[in-house]
Amino acid sequence: MTKEFIYHFIKQHILGVISTCSKENKPEAALIGFAVSEELEIIFDTITSSRKYRNLMENPFVAMVIGWDDETTVQYEGKATMLSGKESERLKEIYFDVYKDGRQRAESWPGLVHFKISPSWIRYSNYNEPMVIEEMKGLV
């Protein structure tokens, strides 16, 4: 399994489930629209009034599941950071390339912010024959 293989698998998807943890240590999950960089960073937006945003401000560590059709998934864990500075524009462009309406949302939705997740652990699982389950660790 290579970084390029994982990138192409993730890039085929635009929706995933993200799990965060509240300050009371209660898990919360949400479906998000996302884009992926060639460095396997996940880029998504949310509004500052969401549970997800509040959770990320308290605890930036997340888990995601991407893909589930045909018993093939990527499990993805990493650290989320709110986008700012020079890097922000590059990553937002990757997101806007997938979500053409994202630029308009960014300008018109009050409290809309963008995050990136840098991966620390990824597992690709394909339960079809021949079954393949492989992990990538120490990515950040």
C-alpha atoms as a PDB file:
ATOM      1  CA  MET A   1       0.000   0.000   0.000  1.00  0.00           C
ATOM      2  CA  THR A   2       1.423   3.360  -0.988  1.00  0.00           C
ATOM      3  CA  LYS A   3       0.568   6.941  -0.169  1.00  0.00           C
ATOM      4  CA  GLU A   4      -0.456   7.400  -3.811  1.00  0.00           C
ATOM      5  CA  PHE A   5      -2.821   4.392  -3.619  1.00  0.00           C
ATOM      6  CA  ILE A   6      -4.503   5.800  -0.492  1.00  0.00           C
ATOM      7  CA  TYR A   7      -4.742   9.269  -2.076  1.00  0.00           C
ATOM      8  CA  HIS A   8      -6.525   7.870  -5.150  1.00  0.00           C
ATOM      9  CA  PHE A   9      -8.891   5.798  -2.999  1.00  0.00           C
ATOM     10  CA  ILE A  10      -9.807   8.750  -0.761  1.00  0.00           C
ATOM     11  CA  LYS A  11     -10.109  11.127  -3.746  1.00  0.00           C
ATOM     12  CA  GLN A  12     -12.896   8.923  -5.177  1.00  0.00           C
ATOM     13  CA  HIS A  13     -15.047   9.970  -2.204  1.00  0.00           C
ATOM     14  CA  ILE A  14     -16.423  13.323  -1.131  1.00  0.00           C
ATOM     15  CA  LEU A  15     -18.327  12.234   1.988  1.00  0.00           C
ATOM     16  CA  GLY A  16     -17.102  10.616   5.167  1.00  0.00           C
ATOM     17  CA  VAL A  17     -18.040  10.191   8.806  1.00  0.00           C
ATOM     18  CA  ILE A  18     -15.949  12.120  11.310  1.00  0.00           C
ATOM     19  CA  SER A  19     -15.887  11.338  15.022  1.00  0.00           C
ATOM     20  CA  THR A  20     -14.983  13.912  17.629  1.00  0.00           C
ATOM     21  CA  CYS A  21     -15.176  13.884  21.405  1.00  0.00           C
ATOM     22  CA  SER A  22     -17.009  16.427  23.562  1.00  0.00           C
ATOM     23  CA  LYS A  23     -15.379  17.970  26.607  1.00  0.00           C
ATOM     24  CA  GLU A  24     -17.521  15.536  28.626  1.00  0.00           C
ATOM     25  CA  ASN A  25     -15.722  12.715  26.741  1.00  0.00           C
ATOM     26  CA  LYS A  26     -18.848  11.728  24.837  1.00  0.00           C
ATOM     27  CA  PRO A  27     -18.229  10.597  21.256  1.00  0.00           C
ATOM     28  CA  GLU A  28     -20.068  12.421  18.484  1.00  0.00           C
ATOM     29  CA  ALA A  29     -20.125  11.559  14.784  1.00  0.00           C
ATOM     30  CA  ALA A  30     -21.152  13.575  11.731  1.00  0.00           C
ATOM     31  CA  LEU A  31     -21.253  13.146   7.994  1.00  0.00           C
ATOM     32  CA  ILE A  32     -19.009  15.713   6.319  1.00  0.00           C
ATOM     33  CA  GLY A  33     -18.136  16.731   2.801  1.00  0.00           C
ATOM     34  CA  PHE A  34     -14.380  16.820   2.321  1.00  0.00           C
ATOM     35  CA  ALA A  35     -11.492  17.031  -0.112  1.00  0.00           C
ATOM     36  CA  VAL A  36      -8.044  15.448   0.152  1.00  0.00           C
ATOM     37  CA  SER A  37      -4.576  16.797  -0.638  1.00  0.00           C
ATOM     38  CA  GLU A  38      -1.769  14.719  -2.128  1.00  0.00           C
ATOM     39  CA  GLU A  39      -0.251  14.769   1.373  1.00  0.00           C
ATOM     40  CA  LEU A  40      -3.401  12.928   2.569  1.00  0.00           C
ATOM     41  CA  GLU A  41      -4.659  15.969   4.478  1.00  0.00           C
ATOM     42  CA  ILE A  42      -8.454  16.068   4.754  1.00  0.00           C
ATOM     43  CA  ILE A  43     -10.024  19.520   4.236  1.00  0.00           C
ATOM     44  CA  PHE A  44     -13.584  20.309   5.328  1.00  0.00           C
ATOM     45  CA  ASP A  45     -15.726  23.194   6.491  1.00  0.00           C
ATOM     46  CA  THR A  46     -18.088  23.624   9.411  1.00  0.00           C
ATOM     47  CA  ILE A  47     -19.850  26.421  11.236  1.00  0.00           C
ATOM     48  CA  THR A  48     -18.733  27.735  14.606  1.00  0.00           C
ATOM     49  CA  SER A  49     -22.119  26.923  16.182  1.00  0.00           C
ATOM     50  CA  SER A  50     -21.754  23.180  15.430  1.00  0.00           C
ATOM     51  CA  ARG A  51     -20.933  20.507  18.011  1.00  0.00           C
ATOM     52  CA  LYS A  52     -18.060  19.424  15.780  1.00  0.00           C
ATOM     53  CA  TYR A  53     -16.457  22.884  15.976  1.00  0.00           C
ATOM     54  CA  ARG A  54     -16.817  23.072  19.772  1.00  0.00           C
ATOM     55  CA  ASN A  55     -15.360  19.583  20.126  1.00  0.00           C
ATOM     56  CA  LEU A  56     -12.395  20.376  17.866  1.00  0.00           C
ATOM     57  CA  MET A  57     -11.602  23.498  19.893  1.00  0.00           C
ATOM     58  CA  GLU A  58     -11.413  21.332  23.041  1.00  0.00           C
ATOM     59  CA  ASN A  59      -9.781  18.231  21.537  1.00  0.00           C
ATOM     60  CA  PRO A  60      -8.365  18.298  17.982  1.00  0.00           C
ATOM     61  CA  PHE A  61      -7.959  14.527  17.598  1.00  0.00           C
ATOM     62  CA  VAL A  62     -10.439  12.858  15.249  1.00  0.00           C
ATOM     63  CA  ALA A  63     -11.243   9.587  13.549  1.00  0.00           C
ATOM     64  CA  MET A  64     -12.919   9.182  10.153  1.00  0.00           C
ATOM     65  CA  VAL A  65     -14.347   6.445   7.997  1.00  0.00           C
ATOM     66  CA  ILE A  66     -14.191   7.012   4.250  1.00  0.00           C
ATOM     67  CA  GLY A  67     -15.875   4.703   1.783  1.00  0.00           C
ATOM     68  CA  TRP A  68     -18.024   1.749   2.643  1.00  0.00           C
ATOM     69  CA  ASP A  69     -19.338   0.477  -0.673  1.00  0.00           C
ATOM     70  CA  ASP A  70     -18.326  -3.028  -1.630  1.00  0.00           C
ATOM     71  CA  GLU A  71     -16.826  -3.636   1.847  1.00  0.00           C
ATOM     72  CA  THR A  72     -13.862  -1.345   1.144  1.00  0.00           C
ATOM     73  CA  THR A  73     -12.946   1.473   3.544  1.00  0.00           C
ATOM     74  CA  VAL A  74     -10.257   3.737   4.852  1.00  0.00           C
ATOM     75  CA  GLN A  75     -10.133   4.312   8.585  1.00  0.00           C
ATOM     76  CA  TYR A  76      -8.282   7.561   9.213  1.00  0.00           C
ATOM     77  CA  GLU A  77      -7.065   9.145  12.446  1.00  0.00           C
ATOM     78  CA  GLY A  78      -5.344  12.472  12.867  1.00  0.00           C
ATOM     79  CA  LYS A  79      -5.242  15.949  14.290  1.00  0.00           C
ATOM     80  CA  ALA A  80      -7.513  18.730  13.042  1.00  0.00           C
ATOM     81  CA  THR A  81      -6.398  22.354  12.876  1.00  0.00           C
ATOM     82  CA  MET A  82      -8.363  25.373  11.753  1.00  0.00           C
ATOM     83  CA  LEU A  83      -6.939  26.813   8.548  1.00  0.00           C
ATOM     84  CA  SER A  84      -5.110  30.135   8.664  1.00  0.00           C
ATOM     85  CA  GLY A  85      -2.234  31.877   6.977  1.00  0.00           C
ATOM     86  CA  LYS A  86      -0.498  31.025   3.723  1.00  0.00           C
ATOM     87  CA  GLU A  87      -1.295  27.305   3.833  1.00  0.00           C
ATOM     88  CA  SER A  88      -4.993  28.132   4.159  1.00  0.00           C
ATOM     89  CA  GLU A  89      -5.378  29.396   0.596  1.00  0.00           C
ATOM     90  CA  ARG A  90      -3.705  26.340  -0.962  1.00  0.00           C
ATOM     91  CA  LEU A  91      -5.856  23.906   0.993  1.00  0.00           C
ATOM     92  CA  LYS A  92      -9.079  25.863   0.468  1.00  0.00           C
ATOM     93  CA  GLU A  93      -8.461  25.722  -3.292  1.00  0.00           C
ATOM     94  CA  ILE A  94      -8.293  21.918  -3.065  1.00  0.00           C
ATOM     95  CA  TYR A  95     -11.620  21.979  -1.211  1.00  0.00           C
ATOM     96  CA  PHE A  96     -13.200  24.461  -3.671  1.00  0.00           C
ATOM     97  CA  ASP A  97     -12.118  22.257  -6.573  1.00  0.00           C
ATOM     98  CA  VAL A  98     -14.376  19.511  -5.161  1.00  0.00           C
ATOM     99  CA  TYR A  99     -17.132  21.780  -3.802  1.00  0.00           C
ATOM    100  CA  LYS A 100     -17.708  24.464  -6.418  1.00  0.00           C
ATOM    101  CA  ASP A 101     -20.245  26.197  -4.125  1.00  0.00           C
ATOM    102  CA  GLY A 102     -17.757  26.244  -1.241  1.00  0.00           C
ATOM    103  CA  ARG A 103     -16.330  29.641  -2.118  1.00  0.00           C
ATOM    104  CA  GLN A 104     -19.814  31.211  -2.090  1.00  0.00           C
ATOM    105  CA  ARG A 105     -20.608  29.505   1.242  1.00  0.00           C
ATOM    106  CA  ALA A 106     -17.349  30.811   2.702  1.00  0.00           C
ATOM    107  CA  GLU A 107     -18.351  34.360   1.771  1.00  0.00           C
ATOM    108  CA  SER A 108     -21.994  34.192   2.816  1.00  0.00           C
ATOM    109  CA  TRP A 109     -22.401  31.756   5.729  1.00  0.00           C
ATOM    110  CA  PRO A 110     -21.828  33.399   9.105  1.00  0.00           C
ATOM    111  CA  GLY A 111     -19.270  31.532  11.179  1.00  0.00           C
ATOM    112  CA  LEU A 112     -18.060  29.201   8.419  1.00  0.00           C
ATOM    113  CA  VAL A 113     -14.496  27.980   8.982  1.00  0.00           C
ATOM    114  CA  HIS A 114     -12.237  25.425   7.294  1.00  0.00           C
ATOM    115  CA  PHE A 115     -10.162  22.707   8.934  1.00  0.00           C
ATOM    116  CA  LYS A 116      -7.474  20.330   7.795  1.00  0.00           C
ATOM    117  CA  ILE A 117      -6.782  16.972   9.345  1.00  0.00           C
ATOM    118  CA  SER A 118      -3.206  15.719   9.235  1.00  0.00           C
ATOM    119  CA  PRO A 119      -3.127  11.917   9.349  1.00  0.00           C
ATOM    120  CA  SER A 120      -1.360   9.945  12.066  1.00  0.00           C
ATOM    121  CA  TRP A 121      -2.763   6.484  11.226  1.00  0.00           C
ATOM    122  CA  ILE A 122      -4.591   5.057   8.211  1.00  0.00           C
ATOM    123  CA  ARG A 123      -5.972   1.579   7.619  1.00  0.00           C
ATOM    124  CA  TYR A 124      -7.177   0.454   4.198  1.00  0.00           C
ATOM    125  CA  SER A 125      -9.527  -2.534   4.324  1.00  0.00           C
ATOM    126  CA  ASN A 126     -10.918  -4.471   1.373  1.00  0.00           C
ATOM    127  CA  TYR A 127     -12.860  -7.529   2.505  1.00  0.00           C
ATOM    128  CA  ASN A 128     -13.298  -8.911  -0.998  1.00  0.00           C
ATOM    129  CA  GLU A 129     -11.157 -11.758  -2.329  1.00  0.00           C
ATOM    130  CA  PRO A 130      -8.242 -11.426  -2.066  1.00  0.00           C
ATOM    131  CA  MET A 131      -8.766  -9.664   1.256  1.00  0.00           C
ATOM    132  CA  VAL A 132      -6.374  -6.757   1.919  1.00  0.00           C
ATOM    133  CA  ILE A 133      -5.955  -4.974   5.252  1.00  0.00           C
ATOM    134  CA  GLU A 134      -2.929  -2.694   5.589  1.00  0.00           C
ATOM    135  CA  GLU A 135      -1.950   0.143   7.923  1.00  0.00           C
ATOM    136  CA  MET A 136       0.140   3.274   7.543  1.00  0.00           C
ATOM    137  CA  LYS A 137       1.502   4.701  10.804  1.00  0.00           C
ATOM    138  CA  GLY A 138       3.604   7.672  11.771  1.00  0.00           C
ATOM    139  CA  LEU A 139       2.377   9.866   8.941  1.00  0.00           C
ATOM    140  CA  VAL A 140       2.821  13.192  10.745  1.00  0.00           C
END
